[in-house]
């Protein structure tokens, strides 16, 4: 996202609105071809997952992959045995609701809350938000770049702490921080206060998301589902996430036309509800294998 912000700023810097609308957007879309090509080429270096290889009766290849990603050979063999035992169980638990509806509901709600807290509104409409709070066009683009640096720094924070502190504490902490940020922006909008305070609270909001819901939601979605239904369940959860993304990002302009204060207040409320949801319903997956999660949902 930081690279994207720099590219957009470079394209738009010093240009008129007419040029941006008529020509600039073409450069924006063309610039996307470079990372897309790199991503496609690097995918050839990514191995298949051991669980998929075992399901495909390619046990030796699965062992090879596990040995590459685990320095401890005994640990790699233990994981392989767990995978074999899990996948080798009876096939009666292969339907998506075989482990109950609650695990699917948790996956869907994780995805929906990740979007309903309004993060993609902040990412998609950041320059417009800053302009509405009194920043000039070039200044709003620079403030967006600052927000991009915050994204990078606090994503690294999540990487360094997720296995130390656990998934749930980080998610709840992030939800509280997002609620503070959004309620503050709502108050600023209601009182028509412009200035640097908007940037400060958007940074608080963005930092809270990037150290928690940004990366950790994806970690949880990949960890909570039992092997037998994992492919189907992840597809449902990700589908719900994109649907929620579309709903939130497409309704933001109309909501802002009605009331900026209520719009940001709604996202703050969603952050509060997301904290309660994680506290009450989401299991901690820190230190648990996928096979252990399967045993949890069987109970």
Foldseek 3Di string as FASTA:
>chain_A
DLVLLVQLLVLPPPDDPVCCVPPSVVSSVVVVVVVVVVVVVCVVVDDDALLVCVVVVNNVVSLVVLVVVDVDSVVSVVVSVLSCVQVVDDLPQQDQCSLHCQLLVLLQLLLLLLPLLPPVVCLVCQLVLQVQQPDDNSRSSVLSSVLVVLLVVLLVLLVVPCLPPFQLVLLLQLLVQLLVLLLVVLVCQVVSHHDCVNSVSVSSNSSSCSNHSPPSSVVLLQAQDAPSNSVVSSVSSVVSNVVSNCVSNVCVVVVVVVGPSVNSNSSSVSSVVSSVCSVPRNDTCRPHGSSVSVVVSND
